[in-house]
Amino acid sequence: MSHFERLIACIRSGQMSEAQISEELRNPVFAAYYRQRA
């Protein structure tokens, strides 16, 4: 499982705060990956 997949799993399971999610989405590579998976 990639780092990005783990992040998405944490987001989906409610383990990350909105602030943490916003911080991760500042990474354009992760933001693009997240949009593809969302």
Protein backbone atom coordinates (compact mmCIF):
# COMPACT_ATOMS: atom_id res chain seq x y z
CA MET A 1 0.00 0.00 0.00
CA SER A 2 1.43 3.36 -0.99
CA HIS A 3 1.72 6.36 1.30
CA PHE A 4 -1.10 8.04 -0.65
CA GLU A 5 -3.35 4.98 -0.29
CA ARG A 6 -2.74 5.01 3.47
CA LEU A 7 -3.60 8.71 3.61
CA ILE A 8 -6.85 8.12 1.73
CA ALA A 9 -7.72 5.21 4.03
CA CYS A 10 -7.15 7.49 7.06
CA ILE A 11 -9.30 10.24 5.53
CA ARG A 12 -12.13 7.83 4.70
CA SER A 13 -12.09 6.25 8.15
CA GLY A 14 -12.27 9.65 9.86
CA GLN A 15 -8.83 9.43 11.48
CA MET A 16 -7.65 12.78 10.11
CA SER A 17 -8.89 16.25 11.02
CA GLU A 18 -9.96 18.73 8.34
CA ALA A 19 -6.75 20.68 9.03
CA GLN A 20 -4.60 17.58 8.45
CA ILE A 21 -6.46 16.80 5.23
CA SER A 22 -6.03 20.39 4.00
CA GLU A 23 -2.32 20.19 4.76
CA GLU A 24 -1.93 16.94 2.79
CA LEU A 25 -3.88 18.38 -0.16
CA ARG A 26 -1.31 21.19 -0.48
CA ASN A 27 0.88 18.53 -2.11
CA PRO A 28 -0.22 18.79 -5.78
CA VAL A 29 0.76 15.18 -6.48
CA PHE A 30 -1.43 13.90 -3.64
CA ALA A 31 -4.24 16.31 -4.55
CA ALA A 32 -4.34 14.91 -8.10
CA TYR A 33 -4.25 11.33 -6.80
CA TYR A 34 -6.99 12.10 -4.27
CA ARG A 35 -9.26 13.60 -6.95
CA GLN A 36 -8.82 10.47 -9.09
CA ARG A 37 -9.72 8.20 -6.18
CA ALA A 38 -12.48 10.28 -4.55
